[in-house]
Amino acid sequence: MEVFAKVAAIGSFSAAGRALNLSQTMVTKHIAALEARLGLKLFHRSTRRLSITEAGRRYLESAERILADVEAADSAVAADRISPRGTLRLNAPVSFGSRQIAPLLSAFTAQYPQVTIELGLIDRYVNLAEEGWDLAIRIGSLSDSSLIARRIAPCRTIVCAAPSYLAAHGTPRSTAELSRHNCLGYTLSQRSNAGRWVFGAKGETEVLVAGNLRANNGDALRAAAVAGQGIIYQPTFIVADDLRAGTLVAVTLDRATEELGGIYAVYLPDRNPAAKVRAFIDFCAEHFAPEPPWDRDI
């Protein structure tokens, strides 16, 4: 169609070929293939002149509109690569997304006013390709090697409880003593779980624990712990505000708590990801560096 429009504008197969960096033979083949598909002649040809047919003129009007639309579509996609724009479909775990991502969105959209955020909060691993997410935040060790990942923050953990619980039941000083306490368990953890807590940089110490509450959401456990129900073992991004306020108190044990591998932004493999994706990852990494705000002064 582009070859046809160029021939019509210039009035010569050979000149159109030079303009498009094609041989005259290739131009002739393009026009012949188009005429065969349409079942009509687009040009009157003679040894002395080339003129467009009436059918060719009507077809040219439609072809020029279509080619303009194609050029506009190409330009729009190219612009998406260069300037952050459009809807960014972002998925994040419930607690981290609501506590640490949502507060950033106002500043991000003020900096990039052509971007609209669609934030999905869910604690299961979503399939980015099948579910149409541009970007996901994941915590802990990454198992899907087909995705591109960038570490945007560390993820420390801490054992803590309300002052009222510790006053009533005592403060454990070793991991072994945890078996005698009401330990509120998180059911979705990759390594530690509701009945087994892991300590040490490499997870070399395992402690069997029990309690009268299990939940698949860290904020639910935090609320129960603040109310004095028991001890929790959670990421600092969930409990930092309570530690500063004194509604929760850190429990220091004889083994270090584990770091959950980090907090990552992941997206589908693409040598040139959309500018909106790059911009949001850079924005988060800058905001969380050199130390994430939830880990400061606790």
Protein backbone atom coordinates (compact mmCIF):
# COMPACT_ATOMS: atom_id res chain seq x y z
CA MET A 1 0.00 0.00 0.00
CA GLU A 2 2.89 2.35 0.81
CA VAL A 3 4.56 1.50 -2.51
CA PHE A 4 1.29 2.11 -4.35
CA ALA A 5 0.84 5.53 -2.69
CA LYS A 6 4.42 6.51 -3.55
CA VAL A 7 4.03 5.48 -7.21
CA ALA A 8 0.79 7.44 -7.42
CA ALA A 9 2.42 10.54 -5.93
CA ILE A 10 5.55 10.44 -8.12
CA GLY A 11 4.08 8.94 -11.27
CA SER A 12 6.96 6.58 -11.92
CA PHE A 13 7.85 3.04 -10.84
CA SER A 14 11.58 3.69 -11.01
CA ALA A 15 11.43 7.02 -9.13
CA ALA A 16 9.22 5.48 -6.43
CA GLY A 17 11.73 2.65 -6.11
CA ARG A 18 14.57 5.11 -5.57
CA ALA A 19 12.55 6.99 -2.95
CA LEU A 20 11.78 3.75 -1.07
CA ASN A 21 15.20 2.17 -1.62
CA LEU A 22 13.65 -0.61 -3.72
CA SER A 23 14.45 -1.86 -7.19
CA GLN A 24 12.02 -1.09 -10.03
CA THR A 25 11.39 -4.83 -10.29
CA MET A 26 10.36 -5.03 -6.64
CA VAL A 27 8.07 -2.01 -7.02
CA THR A 28 6.44 -3.69 -10.03
CA LYS A 29 5.91 -6.89 -8.02
CA HIS A 30 4.29 -4.97 -5.15
CA ILE A 31 1.84 -3.24 -7.49
CA ALA A 32 1.10 -6.46 -9.38
CA ALA A 33 0.41 -8.33 -6.12
CA LEU A 34 -1.90 -5.54 -4.94
CA GLU A 35 -3.80 -5.50 -8.23
CA ALA A 36 -4.13 -9.30 -8.16
CA ARG A 37 -5.57 -9.22 -4.65
CA LEU A 38 -8.01 -6.41 -5.48
CA GLY A 39 -8.91 -7.83 -8.88
CA LEU A 40 -8.58 -4.48 -10.67
CA LYS A 41 -6.03 -2.25 -12.36
CA LEU A 42 -4.58 0.58 -10.32
CA PHE A 43 -2.55 2.19 -13.11
CA HIS A 44 -2.71 2.63 -16.87
CA ARG A 45 0.74 1.77 -18.18
CA SER A 46 2.33 2.65 -21.49
CA THR A 47 5.91 2.99 -22.68
CA ARG A 48 5.60 6.78 -22.41
CA ARG A 49 3.48 7.51 -19.35
CA LEU A 50 1.88 6.11 -16.19
CA SER A 51 -1.51 7.28 -14.96
CA ILE A 52 -3.75 6.19 -12.14
CA THR A 53 -7.12 4.59 -12.92
CA GLU A 54 -10.42 5.78 -11.47
CA ALA A 55 -10.52 2.70 -9.24
CA GLY A 56 -6.92 3.41 -8.26
CA ARG A 57 -7.85 6.98 -7.32
CA ARG A 58 -10.65 5.81 -5.02
CA TYR A 59 -8.34 3.22 -3.48
CA LEU A 60 -5.63 5.86 -2.99
CA GLU A 61 -7.96 7.98 -0.84
CA SER A 62 -8.51 5.05 1.54
CA ALA A 63 -4.86 3.99 1.43
CA GLU A 64 -3.64 7.44 2.41
CA ARG A 65 -5.98 7.51 5.45
CA ILE A 66 -4.84 4.03 6.51
CA LEU A 67 -1.15 4.88 6.10
CA ALA A 68 -1.65 8.03 8.19
CA ASP A 69 -3.28 5.95 10.93
CA VAL A 70 -0.40 3.47 10.83
CA GLU A 71 2.13 6.28 11.12
CA ALA A 72 0.22 7.76 14.04
CA ALA A 73 0.09 4.36 15.78
CA ASP A 74 3.83 3.88 15.29
CA SER A 75 4.51 7.35 16.68
CA ALA A 76 2.28 6.73 19.71
CA VAL A 77 4.06 3.48 20.56
CA ALA A 78 7.45 5.12 20.08
CA ALA A 79 6.37 7.94 22.39
CA ASP A 80 5.45 5.38 25.06
CA ARG A 81 9.08 4.21 24.95
CA ILE A 82 10.40 7.73 25.39
CA SER A 83 7.98 9.55 27.69
CA PRO A 84 6.05 8.01 30.63
CA ARG A 85 2.39 7.97 29.64
CA GLY A 86 -0.71 5.78 29.66
CA THR A 87 -2.05 3.39 32.30
CA LEU A 88 0.45 1.53 34.47
CA ARG A 89 -1.11 -1.69 35.79
CA LEU A 90 0.81 -2.33 39.00
CA ASN A 91 0.40 -5.35 41.28
CA ALA A 92 1.74 -5.54 44.85
CA PRO A 93 1.29 -7.60 48.04
CA VAL A 94 -1.52 -6.24 50.20
CA SER A 95 0.44 -4.93 53.20
CA PHE A 96 3.43 -3.58 51.30
CA GLY A 97 1.26 -2.09 48.60
CA SER A 98 -1.08 -0.27 50.97
CA ARG A 99 1.62 0.82 53.42
CA GLN A 100 4.61 1.65 51.21
CA ILE A 101 3.48 1.90 47.57
CA ALA A 102 0.14 3.71 47.80
CA PRO A 103 1.64 6.73 49.69
CA LEU A 104 4.14 7.24 46.83
CA LEU A 105 1.57 7.42 44.05
CA SER A 106 0.59 11.05 44.56
CA ALA A 107 4.20 12.22 44.18
CA PHE A 108 4.76 9.90 41.21
CA THR A 109 1.69 11.05 39.28
CA ALA A 110 2.55 14.69 40.06
CA GLN A 111 5.97 14.11 38.48
CA TYR A 112 4.49 12.13 35.58
CA PRO A 113 1.00 13.61 34.98
CA GLN A 114 0.41 11.57 31.80
CA VAL A 115 0.53 8.30 33.75
CA THR A 116 -2.53 6.76 35.38
CA ILE A 117 -1.99 4.03 37.99
CA GLU A 118 -4.16 0.95 38.29
CA LEU A 119 -3.06 -0.63 41.58
CA GLY A 120 -3.98 -4.23 42.35
CA LEU A 121 -3.31 -5.52 45.87
CA ILE A 122 -3.15 -9.29 46.28
CA ASP A 123 -0.84 -11.66 48.14
CA ARG A 124 -0.70 -14.44 45.55
CA TYR A 125 1.83 -14.50 42.71
CA VAL A 126 0.09 -13.13 39.62
CA ASN A 127 0.93 -14.12 36.05
CA LEU A 128 1.94 -10.82 34.46
CA ALA A 129 1.39 -11.96 30.87
CA GLU A 130 -1.93 -13.76 31.35
CA GLU A 131 -3.43 -11.17 33.70
CA GLY A 132 -2.16 -8.08 31.90
CA TRP A 133 0.04 -6.52 34.60
CA ASP A 134 2.83 -4.18 33.48
CA LEU A 135 4.77 -4.47 36.73
CA ALA A 136 4.63 -6.38 40.01
CA ILE A 137 6.27 -5.95 43.40
CA ARG A 138 7.49 -9.23 44.90
CA ILE A 139 9.08 -9.98 48.24
CA GLY A 140 11.55 -12.76 48.98
CA SER A 141 13.43 -15.14 46.72
CA LEU A 142 12.33 -15.04 43.10
CA SER A 143 11.46 -18.34 41.46
CA ASP A 144 10.31 -17.20 37.99
CA SER A 145 13.55 -16.67 36.05
CA SER A 146 11.67 -15.60 32.90
CA LEU A 147 10.95 -12.17 34.41
CA ILE A 148 13.26 -9.19 34.60
CA ALA A 149 13.79 -8.19 38.24
CA ARG A 150 15.33 -5.18 39.96
CA ARG A 151 15.91 -5.10 43.70
CA ILE A 152 14.45 -1.86 45.02
CA ALA A 153 14.85 -2.40 48.78
CA PRO A 154 15.98 -4.88 51.44
CA CYS A 155 13.40 -6.72 53.50
CA ARG A 156 14.35 -7.10 57.16
CA THR A 157 12.25 -9.01 59.67
CA ILE A 158 11.77 -8.57 63.40
CA VAL A 159 10.21 -10.40 66.34
CA CYS A 160 8.01 -8.14 68.43
CA ALA A 161 5.07 -7.98 70.81
CA ALA A 162 2.98 -5.45 72.72
CA PRO A 163 4.31 -4.25 76.09
CA SER A 164 1.15 -5.63 77.72
CA TYR A 165 1.84 -9.15 76.41
CA LEU A 166 5.48 -9.08 77.54
CA ALA A 167 4.48 -7.74 80.97
CA ALA A 168 1.98 -10.59 81.39
CA HIS A 169 4.01 -13.45 79.92
CA GLY A 170 7.64 -12.41 80.13
CA THR A 171 10.13 -11.56 77.39
CA PRO A 172 11.84 -14.47 75.60
CA ARG A 173 15.63 -14.17 75.36
CA SER A 174 16.34 -17.12 73.08
CA THR A 175 14.67 -18.72 70.09
CA ALA A 176 14.13 -21.86 72.18
CA GLU A 177 11.94 -19.92 74.60
CA LEU A 178 9.51 -19.01 71.79
CA SER A 179 7.95 -22.48 72.06
CA ARG A 180 6.51 -21.42 75.42
CA HIS A 181 4.81 -18.31 74.02
CA ASN A 182 1.70 -17.55 71.98
CA CYS A 183 3.26 -17.01 68.54
CA LEU A 184 0.88 -15.65 65.93
CA GLY A 185 1.62 -17.34 62.61
CA TYR A 186 1.70 -16.07 59.02
CA THR A 187 0.46 -18.75 56.60
CA LEU A 188 1.89 -17.49 53.28
CA SER A 189 5.59 -17.26 54.13
CA GLN A 190 8.05 -18.93 51.75
CA ARG A 191 10.38 -20.22 54.51
CA SER A 192 8.99 -19.55 57.96
CA ASN A 193 5.34 -20.52 58.41
CA ALA A 194 2.64 -20.56 61.04
CA GLY A 195 4.25 -23.45 62.93
CA ARG A 196 7.95 -23.01 62.11
CA TRP A 197 10.01 -19.86 62.40
CA VAL A 198 13.43 -19.65 60.72
CA PHE A 199 16.36 -17.63 62.04
CA GLY A 200 19.90 -16.88 60.90
CA ALA A 201 21.27 -15.35 57.71
CA LYS A 202 21.00 -18.70 55.93
CA GLY A 203 17.98 -20.01 57.81
CA GLU A 204 20.12 -22.44 59.77
CA THR A 205 17.97 -22.33 62.93
CA GLU A 206 14.39 -23.57 62.89
CA VAL A 207 12.03 -23.21 65.85
CA LEU A 208 8.67 -24.92 66.23
CA VAL A 209 6.08 -22.46 67.50
CA ALA A 210 2.35 -22.45 68.20
CA GLY A 211 -0.35 -19.89 68.85
CA ASN A 212 -4.07 -19.25 68.87
CA LEU A 213 -4.12 -17.16 65.67
CA ARG A 214 -2.96 -17.82 62.13
CA ALA A 215 -3.57 -15.41 59.24
CA ASN A 216 -2.62 -14.90 55.61
CA ASN A 217 -2.17 -11.15 56.11
CA GLY A 218 0.59 -9.47 58.09
CA ASP A 219 -1.50 -6.47 59.07
CA ALA A 220 -4.09 -8.73 60.69
CA LEU A 221 -1.33 -10.28 62.82
CA ARG A 222 0.07 -6.83 63.61
CA ALA A 223 -3.34 -5.66 64.87
CA ALA A 224 -3.68 -8.75 67.08
CA ALA A 225 -0.17 -8.26 68.45
CA VAL A 226 -0.83 -4.58 69.24
CA ALA A 227 -3.90 -5.74 71.18
CA GLY A 228 -1.64 -7.95 73.30
CA GLN A 229 -2.59 -11.35 71.88
CA GLY A 230 0.90 -12.68 71.22
CA ILE A 231 4.32 -12.46 69.55
CA ILE A 232 4.72 -11.89 65.81
CA TYR A 233 7.63 -12.35 63.38
CA GLN A 234 7.05 -9.88 60.55
CA PRO A 235 8.82 -7.65 58.01
CA THR A 236 9.79 -4.27 59.40
CA PHE A 237 7.76 -2.46 56.73
CA ILE A 238 4.60 -3.70 58.52
CA VAL A 239 5.53 -2.97 62.15
CA ALA A 240 7.89 0.01 61.92
CA ASP A 241 5.28 2.62 62.85
CA ASP A 242 4.23 0.61 65.92
CA LEU A 243 7.84 0.17 67.01
CA ARG A 244 8.35 3.94 66.84
CA ALA A 245 5.10 4.55 68.70
CA GLY A 246 5.89 1.96 71.37
CA THR A 247 2.71 -0.04 70.76
CA LEU A 248 5.04 -2.91 69.78
CA VAL A 249 8.45 -3.68 71.26
CA ALA A 250 11.28 -5.51 69.50
CA VAL A 251 12.29 -8.81 71.12
CA THR A 252 16.04 -9.45 70.96
CA LEU A 253 16.91 -13.15 70.73
CA ASP A 254 20.11 -15.21 70.55
CA ARG A 255 19.77 -15.69 66.79
CA ALA A 256 19.52 -13.06 64.09
CA THR A 257 16.27 -12.75 62.20
CA GLU A 258 16.30 -13.60 58.51
CA GLU A 259 16.23 -11.14 55.64
CA LEU A 260 13.61 -12.13 53.11
CA GLY A 261 15.86 -11.82 50.07
CA GLY A 262 14.74 -8.32 49.21
CA ILE A 263 11.87 -6.42 47.61
CA TYR A 264 11.83 -6.55 43.82
CA ALA A 265 10.09 -4.88 40.92
CA VAL A 266 9.53 -7.48 38.19
CA TYR A 267 8.28 -7.16 34.62
CA LEU A 268 8.11 -9.20 31.44
CA PRO A 269 11.28 -9.56 29.32
CA ASP A 270 11.62 -6.62 26.97
CA ARG A 271 14.79 -4.96 25.77
CA ASN A 272 12.95 -1.64 25.73
CA PRO A 273 10.31 -1.63 28.48
CA ALA A 274 7.75 1.17 28.35
CA ALA A 275 8.90 4.45 29.83
CA LYS A 276 6.12 4.32 32.45
CA VAL A 277 7.58 1.03 33.78
CA ARG A 278 11.16 2.31 33.88
CA ALA A 279 10.05 5.56 35.50
CA PHE A 280 8.14 3.86 38.31
CA ILE A 281 10.96 1.43 39.11
CA ASP A 282 13.49 4.26 39.21
CA PHE A 283 11.14 6.33 41.37
CA CYS A 284 10.75 3.54 43.95
CA ALA A 285 14.46 2.69 43.99
CA GLU A 286 15.35 6.34 44.58
CA HIS A 287 12.73 6.73 47.32
CA PHE A 288 13.84 3.59 49.14
CA ALA A 289 17.60 4.33 48.93
CA PRO A 290 20.00 4.23 50.67
CA GLU A 291 17.83 2.87 53.48
CA PRO A 292 14.08 2.36 53.13
CA PRO A 293 12.05 4.85 55.17
CA TRP A 294 10.40 2.16 57.29
CA ASP A 295 13.80 0.98 58.60
CA ARG A 296 14.96 4.44 59.71
CA ASP A 297 15.10 5.13 63.43
CA ILE A 298 13.69 1.84 64.66
